[in-house]
PDB file of N, CA and C in Angstrom:
ATOM      1  N   MET A   1      74.101 128.493  87.827  1.00  0.00           N
ATOM      2  CA  MET A   1      74.309 127.332  88.658  1.00  0.00           C
ATOM      3  C   MET A   1      75.586 126.626  88.214  1.00  0.00           C
ATOM      4  N   SER A   2      76.456 126.303  89.162  1.00  0.00           N
ATOM      5  CA  SER A   2      77.697 125.601  88.843  1.00  0.00           C
ATOM      6  C   SER A   2      77.409 124.251  88.212  1.00  0.00           C
ATOM      7  N   ALA A   3      78.356 123.795  87.430  1.00  0.00           N
ATOM      8  CA  ALA A   3      78.293 122.464  86.827  1.00  0.00           C
ATOM      9  C   ALA A   3      79.680 121.854  86.927  1.00  0.00           C
ATOM     10  N   TYR A   4      79.716 120.539  86.928  1.00  0.00           N
ATOM     11  CA  TYR A   4      80.964 119.821  87.137  1.00  0.00           C
ATOM     12  C   TYR A   4      81.211 118.851  85.990  1.00  0.00           C
ATOM     13  N   VAL A   5      82.395 118.920  85.426  1.00  0.00           N
ATOM     14  CA  VAL A   5      82.828 117.900  84.480  1.00  0.00           C
ATOM     15  C   VAL A   5      83.516 116.842  85.324  1.00  0.00           C
ATOM     16  N   ILE A   6      83.009 115.624  85.245  1.00  0.00           N
ATOM     17  CA  ILE A   6      83.564 114.504  85.998  1.00  0.00           C
ATOM     18  C   ILE A   6      84.125 113.511  84.988  1.00  0.00           C
ATOM     19  N   ALA A   7      85.380 113.158  85.187  1.00  0.00           N
ATOM     20  CA  ALA A   7      86.054 112.249  84.267  1.00  0.00           C
ATOM     21  C   ALA A   7      86.625 111.071  85.044  1.00  0.00           C
ATOM     22  N   ASN A   8      86.435 109.884  84.503  1.00  0.00           N
ATOM     23  CA  ASN A   8      87.091 108.680  84.982  1.00  0.00           C
ATOM     24  C   ASN A   8      88.052 108.274  83.877  1.00  0.00           C
ATOM     25  N   VAL A   9      89.346 108.334  84.159  1.00  0.00           N
ATOM     26  CA  VAL A   9      90.356 108.182  83.120  1.00  0.00           C
ATOM     27  C   VAL A   9      91.297 107.031  83.446  1.00  0.00           C
ATOM     28  N   THR A  10      91.607 106.227  82.431  1.00  0.00           N
ATOM     29  CA  THR A  10      92.663 105.227  82.512  1.00  0.00           C
ATOM     30  C   THR A  10      93.746 105.658  81.528  1.00  0.00           C
ATOM     31  N   VAL A  11      94.885 106.029  82.061  1.00  0.00           N
ATOM     32  CA  VAL A  11      95.993 106.513  81.229  1.00  0.00           C
ATOM     33  C   VAL A  11      96.690 105.318  80.593  1.00  0.00           C
ATOM     34  N   LYS A  12      96.820 105.349  79.270  1.00  0.00           N
ATOM     35  CA  LYS A  12      97.464 104.263  78.524  1.00  0.00           C
ATOM     36  C   LYS A  12      98.910 104.602  78.145  1.00  0.00           C
ATOM     37  N   ASP A  13      99.212 105.894  78.012  1.00  0.00           N
ATOM     38  CA  ASP A  13     100.550 106.344  77.632  1.00  0.00           C
ATOM     39  C   ASP A  13     100.938 107.486  78.570  1.00  0.00           C
ATOM     40  N   PRO A  14     101.497 107.158  79.751  1.00  0.00           N
ATOM     41  CA  PRO A  14     101.784 108.188  80.753  1.00  0.00           C
ATOM     42  C   PRO A  14     102.758 109.259  80.289  1.00  0.00           C
ATOM     43  N   VAL A  15     103.683 108.915  79.425  1.00  0.00           N
ATOM     44  CA  VAL A  15     104.660 109.900  78.958  1.00  0.00           C
ATOM     45  C   VAL A  15     103.970 110.972  78.128  1.00  0.00           C
ATOM     46  N   ARG A  16     103.203 110.569  77.134  1.00  0.00           N
ATOM     47  CA  ARG A  16     102.496 111.543  76.294  1.00  0.00           C
ATOM     48  C   ARG A  16     101.352 112.216  77.038  1.00  0.00           C
ATOM     49  N   TYR A  17     100.760 111.537  78.015  1.00  0.00           N
ATOM     50  CA  TYR A  17      99.668 112.121  78.789  1.00  0.00           C
ATOM     51  C   TYR A  17     100.132 113.359  79.547  1.00  0.00           C
ATOM     52  N   GLU A  18     101.419 113.435  79.861  1.00  0.00           N
ATOM     53  CA  GLU A  18     101.960 114.625  80.518  1.00  0.00           C
ATOM     54  C   GLU A  18     101.767 115.875  79.650  1.00  0.00           C
ATOM     55  N   ASP A  19     101.785 115.715  78.334  1.00  0.00           N
ATOM     56  CA  ASP A  19     101.500 116.853  77.450  1.00  0.00           C
ATOM     57  C   ASP A  19     100.078 117.359  77.676  1.00  0.00           C
ATOM     58  N   TYR A  20      99.148 116.440  77.845  1.00  0.00           N
ATOM     59  CA  TYR A  20      97.770 116.818  78.139  1.00  0.00           C
ATOM     60  C   TYR A  20      97.700 117.590  79.451  1.00  0.00           C
ATOM     61  N   ARG A  21      98.324 117.062  80.477  1.00  0.00           N
ATOM     62  CA  ARG A  21      98.293 117.719  81.792  1.00  0.00           C
ATOM     63  C   ARG A  21      98.858 119.134  81.708  1.00  0.00           C
ATOM     64  N   ARG A  22      99.873 119.320  80.903  1.00  0.00           N
ATOM     65  CA  ARG A  22     100.494 120.638  80.748  1.00  0.00           C
ATOM     66  C   ARG A  22      99.566 121.609  80.021  1.00  0.00           C
ATOM     67  N   LEU A  23      98.822 121.123  79.053  1.00  0.00           N
ATOM     68  CA  LEU A  23      97.983 121.983  78.210  1.00  0.00           C
ATOM     69  C   LEU A  23      96.601 122.278  78.786  1.00  0.00           C
ATOM     70  N   VAL A  24      96.025 121.372  79.541  1.00  0.00           N
ATOM     71  CA  VAL A  24      94.612 121.473  79.907  1.00  0.00           C
ATOM     72  C   VAL A  24      94.309 122.604  80.889  1.00  0.00           C
ATOM     73  N   GLY A  25      95.168 122.841  81.857  1.00  0.00           N
ATOM     74  CA  GLY A  25      94.893 123.832  82.892  1.00  0.00           C
ATOM     75  C   GLY A  25      94.528 125.214  82.370  1.00  0.00           C
ATOM     76  N   PRO A  26      95.348 125.796  81.497  1.00  0.00           N
ATOM     77  CA  PRO A  26      95.014 127.121  80.978  1.00  0.00           C
ATOM     78  C   PRO A  26      93.683 127.170  80.218  1.00  0.00           C
ATOM     79  N   THR A  27      93.306 126.061  79.567  1.00  0.00           N
ATOM     80  CA  THR A  27      92.027 126.069  78.846  1.00  0.00           C
ATOM     81  C   THR A  27      90.862 126.081  79.822  1.00  0.00           C
ATOM     82  N   ILE A  28      90.999 125.361  80.911  1.00  0.00           N
ATOM     83  CA  ILE A  28      89.956 125.336  81.941  1.00  0.00           C
ATOM     84  C   ILE A  28      89.817 126.716  82.578  1.00  0.00           C
ATOM     85  N   GLU A  29      90.950 127.309  82.927  1.00  0.00           N
ATOM     86  CA  GLU A  29      90.929 128.636  83.549  1.00  0.00           C
ATOM     87  C   GLU A  29      90.294 129.678  82.641  1.00  0.00           C
ATOM     88  N   LYS A  30      90.570 129.600  81.347  1.00  0.00           N
ATOM     89  CA  LYS A  30      90.009 130.578  80.403  1.00  0.00           C
ATOM     90  C   LYS A  30      88.478 130.558  80.428  1.00  0.00           C
ATOM     91  N   TYR A  31      87.885 129.424  80.719  1.00  0.00           N
ATOM     92  CA  TYR A  31      86.426 129.291  80.744  1.00  0.00           C
ATOM     93  C   TYR A  31      85.870 129.356  82.173  1.00  0.00           C
ATOM     94  N   GLY A  32      86.657 129.896  83.069  1.00  0.00           N
ATOM     95  CA  GLY A  32      86.179 130.100  84.434  1.00  0.00           C
ATOM     96  C   GLY A  32      86.119 128.849  85.273  1.00  0.00           C
ATOM     97  N   GLY A  33      86.805 127.798  84.840  1.00  0.00           N
ATOM     98  CA  GLY A  33      86.779 126.542  85.563  1.00  0.00           C
ATOM     99  C   GLY A  33      87.931 126.409  86.533  1.00  0.00           C
ATOM    100  N   ARG A  34      87.793 125.428  87.421  1.00  0.00           N
ATOM    101  CA  ARG A  34      88.864 125.112  88.364  1.00  0.00           C
ATOM    102  C   ARG A  34      88.779 123.643  88.750  1.00  0.00           C
ATOM    103  N   PHE A  35      89.946 123.063  88.970  1.00  0.00           N
ATOM    104  CA  PHE A  35      89.996 121.678  89.420  1.00  0.00           C
ATOM    105  C   PHE A  35      89.508 121.598  90.856  1.00  0.00           C
ATOM    106  N   ILE A  36      88.613 120.648  91.113  1.00  0.00           N
ATOM    107  CA  ILE A  36      88.148 120.336  92.463  1.00  0.00           C
ATOM    108  C   ILE A  36      88.913 119.119  92.977  1.00  0.00           C
ATOM    109  N   ALA A  37      89.058 118.117  92.133  1.00  0.00           N
ATOM    110  CA  ALA A  37      89.816 116.904  92.458  1.00  0.00           C
ATOM    111  C   ALA A  37      90.522 116.457  91.193  1.00  0.00           C
ATOM    112  N   ARG A  38      91.727 115.956  91.359  1.00  0.00           N
ATOM    113  CA  ARG A  38      92.508 115.564  90.186  1.00  0.00           C
ATOM    114  C   ARG A  38      93.376 114.354  90.517  1.00  0.00           C
ATOM    115  N   GLY A  39      92.757 113.175  90.420  1.00  0.00           N
ATOM    116  CA  GLY A  39      93.520 111.944  90.585  1.00  0.00           C
ATOM    117  C   GLY A  39      93.868 111.590  92.016  1.00  0.00           C
ATOM    118  N   GLY A  40      93.104 112.052  92.977  1.00  0.00           N
ATOM    119  CA  GLY A  40      93.386 111.740  94.376  1.00  0.00           C
ATOM    120  C   GLY A  40      92.972 110.322  94.749  1.00  0.00           C
ATOM    121  N   SER A  41      93.198 110.007  95.987  1.00  0.00           N
ATOM    122  CA  SER A  41      92.852 108.690  96.525  1.00  0.00           C
ATOM    123  C   SER A  41      91.332 108.489  96.487  1.00  0.00           C
ATOM    124  N   ILE A  42      90.906 107.276  96.164  1.00  0.00           N
ATOM    125  CA  ILE A  42      89.481 106.930  96.066  1.00  0.00           C
ATOM    126  C   ILE A  42      89.164 105.858  97.094  1.00  0.00           C
ATOM    127  N   GLU A  43      88.112 106.072  97.856  1.00  0.00           N
ATOM    128  CA  GLU A  43      87.643 105.068  98.803  1.00  0.00           C
ATOM    129  C   GLU A  43      86.208 104.713  98.445  1.00  0.00           C
ATOM    130  N   MET A  44      85.971 103.471  98.078  1.00  0.00           N
ATOM    131  CA  MET A  44      84.631 103.010  97.731  1.00  0.00           C
ATOM    132  C   MET A  44      83.826 102.781  99.008  1.00  0.00           C
ATOM    133  N   LEU A  45      82.630 103.338  99.056  1.00  0.00           N
ATOM    134  CA  LEU A  45      81.749 103.144 100.203  1.00  0.00           C
ATOM    135  C   LEU A  45      80.643 102.148  99.902  1.00  0.00           C
ATOM    136  N   GLU A  46      80.129 102.158  98.661  1.00  0.00           N
ATOM    137  CA  GLU A  46      79.073 101.231  98.248  1.00  0.00           C
ATOM    138  C   GLU A  46      79.210 100.958  96.763  1.00  0.00           C
ATOM    139  N   GLY A  47      78.620  99.861  96.333  1.00  0.00           N
ATOM    140  CA  GLY A  47      78.544  99.555  94.911  1.00  0.00           C
ATOM    141  C   GLY A  47      79.771  98.847  94.385  1.00  0.00           C
ATOM    142  N   ASP A  48      79.757  98.640  93.063  1.00  0.00           N
ATOM    143  CA  ASP A  48      80.851  97.902  92.446  1.00  0.00           C
ATOM    144  C   ASP A  48      81.538  98.674  91.325  1.00  0.00           C
ATOM    145  N   TRP A  49      81.411  99.990  91.351  1.00  0.00           N
ATOM    146  CA  TRP A  49      82.126 100.838  90.396  1.00  0.00           C
ATOM    147  C   TRP A  49      83.590 100.875  90.804  1.00  0.00           C
ATOM    148  N   HIS A  50      84.502 100.740  89.858  1.00  0.00           N
ATOM    149  CA  HIS A  50      85.929 100.736  90.151  1.00  0.00           C
ATOM    150  C   HIS A  50      86.639 101.794  89.305  1.00  0.00           C
ATOM    151  N   PRO A  51      86.451 103.054  89.651  1.00  0.00           N
ATOM    152  CA  PRO A  51      87.119 104.108  88.883  1.00  0.00           C
ATOM    153  C   PRO A  51      88.633 104.013  89.056  1.00  0.00           C
ATOM    154  N   THR A  52      89.345 104.488  88.054  1.00  0.00           N
ATOM    155  CA  THR A  52      90.805 104.419  88.115  1.00  0.00           C
ATOM    156  C   THR A  52      91.401 105.758  88.528  1.00  0.00           C
ATOM    157  N   ARG A  53      91.095 106.798  87.785  1.00  0.00           N
ATOM    158  CA  ARG A  53      91.604 108.139  88.081  1.00  0.00           C
ATOM    159  C   ARG A  53      90.447 109.100  87.868  1.00  0.00           C
ATOM    160  N   LEU A  54      89.949 109.680  88.945  1.00  0.00           N
ATOM    161  CA  LEU A  54      88.821 110.605  88.837  1.00  0.00           C
ATOM    162  C   LEU A  54      89.306 112.040  88.851  1.00  0.00           C
ATOM    163  N   VAL A  55      88.661 112.834  88.008  1.00  0.00           N
ATOM    164  CA  VAL A  55      88.942 114.268  87.937  1.00  0.00           C
ATOM    165  C   VAL A  55      87.601 114.981  87.989  1.00  0.00           C
ATOM    166  N   VAL A  56      87.530 116.037  88.799  1.00  0.00           N
ATOM    167  CA  VAL A  56      86.326 116.858  88.894  1.00  0.00           C
ATOM    168  C   VAL A  56      86.736 118.300  88.641  1.00  0.00           C
ATOM    169  N   VAL A  57      86.065 118.924  87.663  1.00  0.00           N
ATOM    170  CA  VAL A  57      86.329 120.318  87.317  1.00  0.00           C
ATOM    171  C   VAL A  57      85.030 121.100  87.456  1.00  0.00           C
ATOM    172  N   GLU A  58      85.065 122.189  88.190  1.00  0.00           N
ATOM    173  CA  GLU A  58      83.891 123.043  88.363  1.00  0.00           C
ATOM    174  C   GLU A  58      83.908 124.166  87.335  1.00  0.00           C
ATOM    175  N   PHE A  59      82.764 124.390  86.698  1.00  0.00           N
ATOM    176  CA  PHE A  59      82.564 125.495  85.764  1.00  0.00           C
ATOM    177  C   PHE A  59      81.383 126.329  86.243  1.00  0.00           C
ATOM    178  N   PRO A  60      81.275 127.571  85.783  1.00  0.00           N
ATOM    179  CA  PRO A  60      80.154 128.418  86.203  1.00  0.00           C
ATOM    180  C   PRO A  60      78.783 127.863  85.828  1.00  0.00           C
ATOM    181  N   SER A  61      78.699 127.088  84.752  1.00  0.00           N
ATOM    182  CA  SER A  61      77.420 126.516  84.309  1.00  0.00           C
ATOM    183  C   SER A  61      77.694 125.352  83.372  1.00  0.00           C
ATOM    184  N   ALA A  62      76.651 124.572  83.105  1.00  0.00           N
ATOM    185  CA  ALA A  62      76.773 123.472  82.146  1.00  0.00           C
ATOM    186  C   ALA A  62      77.052 124.012  80.746  1.00  0.00           C
ATOM    187  N   ALA A  63      76.450 125.147  80.417  1.00  0.00           N
ATOM    188  CA  ALA A  63      76.681 125.740  79.098  1.00  0.00           C
ATOM    189  C   ALA A  63      78.149 126.109  78.918  1.00  0.00           C
ATOM    190  N   VAL A  64      78.759 126.662  79.954  1.00  0.00           N
ATOM    191  CA  VAL A  64      80.179 127.024  79.870  1.00  0.00           C
ATOM    192  C   VAL A  64      81.041 125.767  79.804  1.00  0.00           C
ATOM    193  N   ALA A  65      80.676 124.725  80.542  1.00  0.00           N
ATOM    194  CA  ALA A  65      81.426 123.466  80.481  1.00  0.00           C
ATOM    195  C   ALA A  65      81.391 122.892  79.071  1.00  0.00           C
ATOM    196  N   ARG A  66      80.229 122.916  78.435  1.00  0.00           N
ATOM    197  CA  ARG A  66      80.125 122.437  77.039  1.00  0.00           C
ATOM    198  C   ARG A  66      80.926 123.321  76.089  1.00  0.00           C
ATOM    199  N   GLU A  67      80.872 124.619  76.328  1.00  0.00           N
ATOM    200  CA  GLU A  67      81.630 125.563  75.496  1.00  0.00           C
ATOM    201  C   GLU A  67      83.126 125.254  75.588  1.00  0.00           C
ATOM    202  N   TRP A  68      83.616 125.007  76.812  1.00  0.00           N
ATOM    203  CA  TRP A  68      85.029 124.636  76.995  1.00  0.00           C
ATOM    204  C   TRP A  68      85.339 123.351  76.250  1.00  0.00           C
ATOM    205  N   TRP A  69      84.516 122.305  76.427  1.00  0.00           N
ATOM    206  CA  TRP A  69      84.791 121.000  75.828  1.00  0.00           C
ATOM    207  C   TRP A  69      84.845 121.081  74.298  1.00  0.00           C
ATOM    208  N   ASN A  70      84.039 121.980  73.719  1.00  0.00           N
ATOM    209  CA  ASN A  70      83.997 122.141  72.267  1.00  0.00           C
ATOM    210  C   ASN A  70      84.913 123.246  71.755  1.00  0.00           C
ATOM    211  N   SER A  71      85.671 123.873  72.629  1.00  0.00           N
ATOM    212  CA  SER A  71      86.439 125.063  72.260  1.00  0.00           C
ATOM    213  C   SER A  71      87.689 124.751  71.442  1.00  0.00           C
ATOM    214  N   PRO A  72      88.113 125.716  70.637  1.00  0.00           N
ATOM    215  CA  PRO A  72      89.387 125.556  69.923  1.00  0.00           C
ATOM    216  C   PRO A  72      90.573 125.502  70.890  1.00  0.00           C
ATOM    217  N   GLU A  73      90.458 126.173  72.030  1.00  0.00           N
ATOM    218  CA  GLU A  73      91.547 126.167  73.007  1.00  0.00           C
ATOM    219  C   GLU A  73      91.784 124.764  73.574  1.00  0.00           C
ATOM    220  N   TYR A  74      90.710 124.002  73.761  1.00  0.00           N
ATOM    221  CA  TYR A  74      90.831 122.670  74.343  1.00  0.00           C
ATOM    222  C   TYR A  74      91.082 121.584  73.291  1.00  0.00           C
ATOM    223  N   SER A  75      90.912 121.873  72.027  1.00  0.00           N
ATOM    224  CA  SER A  75      90.946 120.835  70.995  1.00  0.00           C
ATOM    225  C   SER A  75      92.260 120.055  70.954  1.00  0.00           C
ATOM    226  N   GLU A  76      93.389 120.719  71.062  1.00  0.00           N
ATOM    227  CA  GLU A  76      94.669 120.014  71.014  1.00  0.00           C
ATOM    228  C   GLU A  76      94.836 119.133  72.255  1.00  0.00           C
ATOM    229  N   ALA A  77      94.529 119.670  73.429  1.00  0.00           N
ATOM    230  CA  ALA A  77      94.628 118.880  74.646  1.00  0.00           C
ATOM    231  C   ALA A  77      93.680 117.677  74.582  1.00  0.00           C
ATOM    232  N   LYS A  78      92.461 117.907  74.099  1.00  0.00           N
ATOM    233  CA  LYS A  78      91.486 116.807  73.990  1.00  0.00           C
ATOM    234  C   LYS A  78      92.002 115.710  73.063  1.00  0.00           C
ATOM    235  N   ARG A  79      92.588 116.109  71.952  1.00  0.00           N
ATOM    236  CA  ARG A  79      93.131 115.135  71.001  1.00  0.00           C
ATOM    237  C   ARG A  79      94.202 114.269  71.681  1.00  0.00           C
ATOM    238  N   ILE A  80      95.082 114.900  72.461  1.00  0.00           N
ATOM    239  CA  ILE A  80      96.128 114.165  73.169  1.00  0.00           C
ATOM    240  C   ILE A  80      95.514 113.245  74.218  1.00  0.00           C
ATOM    241  N   ARG A  81      94.539 113.749  74.976  1.00  0.00           N
ATOM    242  CA  ARG A  81      93.892 112.914  76.002  1.00  0.00           C
ATOM    243  C   ARG A  81      93.250 111.694  75.380  1.00  0.00           C
ATOM    244  N   GLN A  82      92.542 111.893  74.278  1.00  0.00           N
ATOM    245  CA  GLN A  82      91.857 110.776  73.634  1.00  0.00           C
ATOM    246  C   GLN A  82      92.839 109.772  73.038  1.00  0.00           C
ATOM    247  N   ALA A  83      94.028 110.228  72.651  1.00  0.00           N
ATOM    248  CA  ALA A  83      95.035 109.329  72.081  1.00  0.00           C
ATOM    249  C   ALA A  83      95.827 108.582  73.152  1.00  0.00           C
ATOM    250  N   THR A  84      95.884 109.114  74.360  1.00  0.00           N
ATOM    251  CA  THR A  84      96.753 108.545  75.382  1.00  0.00           C
ATOM    252  C   THR A  84      96.014 107.923  76.560  1.00  0.00           C
ATOM    253  N   SER A  85      94.673 107.988  76.524  1.00  0.00           N
ATOM    254  CA  SER A  85      93.901 107.450  77.639  1.00  0.00           C
ATOM    255  C   SER A  85      92.536 106.986  77.157  1.00  0.00           C
ATOM    256  N   GLU A  86      91.861 106.255  78.025  1.00  0.00           N
ATOM    257  CA  GLU A  86      90.466 105.878  77.800  1.00  0.00           C
ATOM    258  C   GLU A  86      89.688 106.406  78.986  1.00  0.00           C
ATOM    259  N   GLY A  87      88.453 106.774  78.758  1.00  0.00           N
ATOM    260  CA  GLY A  87      87.701 107.261  79.894  1.00  0.00           C
ATOM    261  C   GLY A  87      86.279 107.642  79.565  1.00  0.00           C
ATOM    262  N   THR A  88      85.635 108.136  80.590  1.00  0.00           N
ATOM    263  CA  THR A  88      84.269 108.598  80.503  1.00  0.00           C
ATOM    264  C   THR A  88      84.209 109.997  81.089  1.00  0.00           C
ATOM    265  N   LEU A  89      83.559 110.915  80.376  1.00  0.00           N
ATOM    266  CA  LEU A  89      83.369 112.281  80.863  1.00  0.00           C
ATOM    267  C   LEU A  89      81.883 112.576  80.884  1.00  0.00           C
ATOM    268  N   LEU A  90      81.470 113.341  81.886  1.00  0.00           N
ATOM    269  CA  LEU A  90      80.065 113.760  81.963  1.00  0.00           C
ATOM    270  C   LEU A  90      80.008 115.145  82.593  1.00  0.00           C
ATOM    271  N   ILE A  91      78.876 115.786  82.396  1.00  0.00           N
ATOM    272  CA  ILE A  91      78.600 117.060  83.046  1.00  0.00           C
ATOM    273  C   ILE A  91      77.489 116.820  84.058  1.00  0.00           C
ATOM    274  N   LEU A  92      77.727 117.245  85.275  1.00  0.00           N
ATOM    275  CA  LEU A  92      76.752 117.139  86.350  1.00  0.00           C
ATOM    276  C   LEU A  92      76.410 118.557  86.805  1.00  0.00           C
ATOM    277  N   GLU A  93      75.132 118.938  86.704  1.00  0.00           N
ATOM    278  CA  GLU A  93      74.725 120.257  87.166  1.00  0.00           C
ATOM    279  C   GLU A  93      74.610 120.264  88.674  1.00  0.00           C
ATOM    280  N   GLY A  94      75.084 121.350  89.274  1.00  0.00           N
ATOM    281  CA  GLY A  94      75.011 121.502  90.729  1.00  0.00           C
ATOM    282  C   GLY A  94      73.664 122.054  91.160  1.00  0.00           C
ATOM    283  N   VAL A  95      73.529 122.313  92.441  1.00  0.00           N
ATOM    284  CA  VAL A  95      72.276 122.869  92.991  1.00  0.00           C
ATOM    285  C   VAL A  95      72.468 124.321  93.364  1.00  0.00           C
TER     286      VAL A  95
END
């Protein structure tokens, strides 16, 4: 069953964050993932959540998504993301 990593990110250092953007794609692809949405326009329909930059990545399963997040391939990109932005990440299992 597919699973989705959903991130709400506020970039604090846009210059250094570009290093993250450059590094992250190949790590996602290595684990069978693909970007579904990456920072597109957001239209609120209900509620009072105010996301800044949403990213959705599809993986083959939640186990693979966790494997990617904990992987040595992603570690450098993750370190840069955590140093240059604030955010929330979660895994949502599909149907």
